[in-house]
C-alpha atoms as a PDB file:
ATOM      1  CA  MET A   1      66.794 108.946 116.935  1.00  0.00           C
ATOM      2  CA  ARG A   2      69.769 107.030 118.395  1.00  0.00           C
ATOM      3  CA  SER A   3      70.055 104.689 115.390  1.00  0.00           C
ATOM      4  CA  ALA A   4      70.121 107.670 113.037  1.00  0.00           C
ATOM      5  CA  PHE A   5      72.909 109.249 115.108  1.00  0.00           C
ATOM      6  CA  VAL A   6      74.949 106.030 115.236  1.00  0.00           C
ATOM      7  CA  GLY A   7      74.475 105.521 111.499  1.00  0.00           C
ATOM      8  CA  ASP A   8      75.652 109.073 110.976  1.00  0.00           C
ATOM      9  CA  GLU A   9      78.748 108.370 113.088  1.00  0.00           C
ATOM     10  CA  LEU A  10      79.561 105.258 111.027  1.00  0.00           C
ATOM     11  CA  ALA A  11      79.081 107.235 107.795  1.00  0.00           C
ATOM     12  CA  ALA A  12      81.259 110.051 109.171  1.00  0.00           C
ATOM     13  CA  GLY A  13      83.946 107.520 110.102  1.00  0.00           C
ATOM     14  CA  SER A  14      83.901 106.003 106.628  1.00  0.00           C
ATOM     15  CA  ARG A  15      84.225 109.459 105.048  1.00  0.00           C
ATOM     16  CA  LYS A  16      87.266 110.181 107.243  1.00  0.00           C
ATOM     17  CA  VAL A  17      88.957 106.906 106.269  1.00  0.00           C
ATOM     18  CA  ILE A  18      88.185 107.433 102.574  1.00  0.00           C
ATOM     19  CA  SER A  19      89.506 110.990 102.700  1.00  0.00           C
ATOM     20  CA  LEU A  20      92.719 109.964 104.448  1.00  0.00           C
ATOM     21  CA  ILE A  21      93.453 107.084 102.070  1.00  0.00           C
ATOM     22  CA  THR A  22      92.681 109.236  99.029  1.00  0.00           C
ATOM     23  CA  SER A  23      94.998 111.900 100.417  1.00  0.00           C
ATOM     24  CA  ALA A  24      97.797 109.356 101.058  1.00  0.00           C
ATOM     25  CA  ARG A  25      97.488 108.030  97.513  1.00  0.00           C
ATOM     26  CA  GLY A  26      97.527 111.539  96.069  1.00  0.00           C
ATOM     27  CA  ARG A  27     100.540 112.525  98.161  1.00  0.00           C
ATOM     28  CA  ALA A  28     102.441 109.411  97.076  1.00  0.00           C
ATOM     29  CA  ALA A  29     101.733 110.055  93.388  1.00  0.00           C
ATOM     30  CA  ARG A  30     102.474 113.788  93.633  1.00  0.00           C
ATOM     31  CA  ASP A  31     105.720 113.473  95.629  1.00  0.00           C
ATOM     32  CA  GLY A  32     106.865 110.134  94.181  1.00  0.00           C
ATOM     33  CA  VAL A  33     107.368 108.805  97.719  1.00  0.00           C
ATOM     34  CA  PRO A  34     105.623 105.673  99.079  1.00  0.00           C
ATOM     35  CA  GLN A  35     103.294 106.233 102.045  1.00  0.00           C
ATOM     36  CA  LEU A  36     102.307 103.971 104.932  1.00  0.00           C
ATOM     37  CA  VAL A  37      98.763 104.243 106.310  1.00  0.00           C
ATOM     38  CA  SER A  38      98.603 103.173 109.974  1.00  0.00           C
ATOM     39  CA  TYR A  39      95.827 102.688 112.532  1.00  0.00           C
ATOM     40  CA  GLU A  40      95.947 102.717 116.337  1.00  0.00           C
ATOM     41  CA  ASP A  41      92.943 100.895 117.775  1.00  0.00           C
ATOM     42  CA  SER A  42      93.112 102.259 121.328  1.00  0.00           C
ATOM     43  CA  SER A  43      92.835 105.902 120.211  1.00  0.00           C
ATOM     44  CA  ARG A  44      90.907 105.232 116.950  1.00  0.00           C
ATOM     45  CA  LYS A  45      93.538 107.316 115.116  1.00  0.00           C
ATOM     46  CA  LEU A  46      94.482 106.798 111.481  1.00  0.00           C
ATOM     47  CA  TRP A  47      97.397 108.510 109.737  1.00  0.00           C
ATOM     48  CA  TYR A  48      99.872 108.234 106.911  1.00  0.00           C
ATOM     49  CA  MET A  49     103.547 109.030 106.671  1.00  0.00           C
ATOM     50  CA  PRO A  50     106.130 108.914 103.907  1.00  0.00           C
ATOM     51  CA  VAL A  51     108.335 105.866 103.736  1.00  0.00           C
ATOM     52  CA  GLU A  52     111.865 107.019 103.023  1.00  0.00           C
ATOM     53  CA  GLU A  53     113.889 103.841 103.279  1.00  0.00           C
ATOM     54  CA  GLU A  54     117.178 105.199 101.957  1.00  0.00           C
ATOM     55  CA  GLU A  55     117.238 108.253 104.249  1.00  0.00           C
ATOM     56  CA  SER A  56     116.251 106.289 107.353  1.00  0.00           C
ATOM     57  CA  GLU A  57     118.944 103.702 106.723  1.00  0.00           C
ATOM     58  CA  LYS A  58     121.612 106.350 106.002  1.00  0.00           C
ATOM     59  CA  ASP A  59     120.906 108.558 108.984  1.00  0.00           C
ATOM     60  CA  GLY A  60     120.067 105.748 111.371  1.00  0.00           C
ATOM     61  CA  GLU A  61     117.250 107.937 112.654  1.00  0.00           C
ATOM     62  CA  GLU A  62     113.547 107.281 112.811  1.00  0.00           C
ATOM     63  CA  THR A  63     111.063 109.761 111.397  1.00  0.00           C
ATOM     64  CA  ASP A  64     109.553 112.305 113.769  1.00  0.00           C
ATOM     65  CA  ASP A  65     105.893 111.335 114.229  1.00  0.00           C
ATOM     66  CA  ALA A  66     105.096 114.700 115.822  1.00  0.00           C
ATOM     67  CA  ASP A  67     106.149 116.724 112.755  1.00  0.00           C
ATOM     68  CA  PRO A  68     102.853 117.877 111.152  1.00  0.00           C
ATOM     69  CA  LEU A  69     104.473 118.058 107.702  1.00  0.00           C
ATOM     70  CA  ARG A  70     105.293 114.333 107.913  1.00  0.00           C
ATOM     71  CA  ARG A  71     102.030 113.135 109.406  1.00  0.00           C
ATOM     72  CA  SER A  72      98.381 113.399 108.459  1.00  0.00           C
ATOM     73  CA  LEU A  73      96.047 112.329 111.251  1.00  0.00           C
ATOM     74  CA  VAL A  74      92.307 111.712 111.653  1.00  0.00           C
ATOM     75  CA  THR A  75      90.369 110.379 114.620  1.00  0.00           C
ATOM     76  CA  LEU A  76      87.338 108.182 114.058  1.00  0.00           C
ATOM     77  CA  PRO A  77      84.107 109.295 115.754  1.00  0.00           C
ATOM     78  CA  GLU A  78      83.336 107.955 119.227  1.00  0.00           C
ATOM     79  CA  GLY A  79      82.017 104.388 119.018  1.00  0.00           C
ATOM     80  CA  VAL A  80      83.418 103.731 115.523  1.00  0.00           C
ATOM     81  CA  ARG A  81      86.416 101.457 115.017  1.00  0.00           C
ATOM     82  CA  ILE A  82      88.246  99.595 112.283  1.00  0.00           C
ATOM     83  CA  ASP A  83      87.708  95.909 113.039  1.00  0.00           C
ATOM     84  CA  GLU A  84      89.362  94.288 110.082  1.00  0.00           C
ATOM     85  CA  ILE A  85      91.543  94.964 107.067  1.00  0.00           C
ATOM     86  CA  LYS A  86      91.982  92.321 104.361  1.00  0.00           C
ATOM     87  CA  GLN A  87      94.196  92.583 101.306  1.00  0.00           C
ATOM     88  CA  ALA A  88      94.002  90.450  98.172  1.00  0.00           C
ATOM     89  CA  GLY A  89      97.802  90.272  97.913  1.00  0.00           C
ATOM     90  CA  GLY A  90      98.354  89.477 101.578  1.00  0.00           C
ATOM     91  CA  GLY A  91      99.399  85.971 102.511  1.00  0.00           C
ATOM     92  CA  ASP A  92      98.731  84.184 105.785  1.00  0.00           C
ATOM     93  CA  ASP A  93     101.422  86.230 107.519  1.00  0.00           C
ATOM     94  CA  ALA A  94     100.048  89.612 106.346  1.00  0.00           C
ATOM     95  CA  ARG A  95      98.831  91.833 109.185  1.00  0.00           C
ATOM     96  CA  PRO A  96      97.652  95.099 107.592  1.00  0.00           C
ATOM     97  CA  LEU A  97      95.668  96.113 110.687  1.00  0.00           C
ATOM     98  CA  GLN A  98      98.869  96.071 112.775  1.00  0.00           C
ATOM     99  CA  ASP A  99     101.528  96.733 110.133  1.00  0.00           C
ATOM    100  CA  GLY A 100      99.721  99.344 108.038  1.00  0.00           C
ATOM    101  CA  LEU A 101      98.778  99.700 104.391  1.00  0.00           C
ATOM    102  CA  TRP A 102     101.469 100.335 101.792  1.00  0.00           C
ATOM    103  CA  VAL A 103     100.838 102.964  99.113  1.00  0.00           C
ATOM    104  CA  SER A 104     103.341 102.824  96.228  1.00  0.00           C
ATOM    105  CA  LYS A 105     105.079 105.938  94.928  1.00  0.00           C
ATOM    106  CA  GLN A 106     102.566 105.921  92.039  1.00  0.00           C
ATOM    107  CA  GLY A 107      99.633 105.866  94.500  1.00  0.00           C
ATOM    108  CA  TYR A 108      98.781 102.201  93.874  1.00  0.00           C
ATOM    109  CA  MET A 109      97.568  99.852  96.617  1.00  0.00           C
ATOM    110  CA  ASP A 110      96.650  96.175  96.848  1.00  0.00           C
ATOM    111  CA  LYS A 111      92.933  95.521  96.595  1.00  0.00           C
ATOM    112  CA  THR A 112      91.855  96.139 100.175  1.00  0.00           C
ATOM    113  CA  PHE A 113      88.697  95.748 102.262  1.00  0.00           C
ATOM    114  CA  ILE A 114      88.342  97.751 105.485  1.00  0.00           C
ATOM    115  CA  ARG A 115      85.514  96.898 107.906  1.00  0.00           C
ATOM    116  CA  LEU A 116      84.309  99.733 110.118  1.00  0.00           C
ATOM    117  CA  THR A 117      81.963  98.864 112.983  1.00  0.00           C
ATOM    118  CA  ASP A 118      79.975 101.023 115.383  1.00  0.00           C
ATOM    119  CA  GLU A 119      79.102 100.364 119.021  1.00  0.00           C
ATOM    120  CA  ASP A 120      75.880  98.558 117.963  1.00  0.00           C
ATOM    121  CA  ASN A 121      78.003  96.177 115.840  1.00  0.00           C
ATOM    122  CA  VAL A 122      76.661  97.580 112.589  1.00  0.00           C
ATOM    123  CA  SER A 123      79.396  97.307 109.960  1.00  0.00           C
ATOM    124  CA  MET A 124      80.251  98.676 106.550  1.00  0.00           C
ATOM    125  CA  TYR A 125      83.103  97.789 104.208  1.00  0.00           C
ATOM    126  CA  LEU A 126      85.304 100.118 102.215  1.00  0.00           C
ATOM    127  CA  ILE A 127      86.693  98.596  99.022  1.00  0.00           C
ATOM    128  CA  ILE A 128      89.962 100.076  97.769  1.00  0.00           C
ATOM    129  CA  LYS A 129      90.977  99.144  94.243  1.00  0.00           C
ATOM    130  CA  PRO A 130      94.617  99.016  93.135  1.00  0.00           C
ATOM    131  CA  PHE A 131      94.634 101.592  90.344  1.00  0.00           C
ATOM    132  CA  PHE A 132      91.497 103.685  90.973  1.00  0.00           C
ATOM    133  CA  PHE A 133      91.376 106.366  93.644  1.00  0.00           C
ATOM    134  CA  ASP A 134      87.619 106.060  94.243  1.00  0.00           C
ATOM    135  CA  VAL A 135      86.582 103.923  97.227  1.00  0.00           C
ATOM    136  CA  GLN A 136      83.400 101.851  97.163  1.00  0.00           C
ATOM    137  CA  VAL A 137      81.217 101.462 100.281  1.00  0.00           C
ATOM    138  CA  VAL A 138      79.216  98.224 100.756  1.00  0.00           C
ATOM    139  CA  ASP A 139      77.266  96.579 103.589  1.00  0.00           C
ATOM    140  CA  GLU A 140      78.977  93.174 103.492  1.00  0.00           C
ATOM    141  CA  PHE A 141      82.296  91.628 102.532  1.00  0.00           C
ATOM    142  CA  PRO A 142      82.012  90.575  98.874  1.00  0.00           C
ATOM    143  CA  GLY A 143      85.193  88.460  98.927  1.00  0.00           C
ATOM    144  CA  PHE A 144      88.165  88.616  96.593  1.00  0.00           C
ATOM    145  CA  ASP A 145      87.581  87.881  92.913  1.00  0.00           C
END
């Protein structure tokens, strides 16, 4: 019974991540504004916000994270976390887990693998492709081709 519940939590977490990333890509393409998908490990929260470089530089103000129109937020289920994010285009200095995932104004992203893990250390990978909005779910990291 417990393993079924934990598996359900991991599946629920993957659905939340997929939904949020799909939403960020759609928002970027619809509004023509790049988005940044971020993750906070301590609270297991994942969100995206528009990246408006020109406005931020002009005004000298940072965006208001509390404004619900500028922030979409999901919380992963208890016991589920994002352990790793790898990007095909990222060099040795790339830190997508800390710095976030860039979504272009057309909704494109680098090929990305996200590893979600539950409290029993069972993992699944989400594969995000650059030009397709569907996200593939696999049991192990297939590597970059």
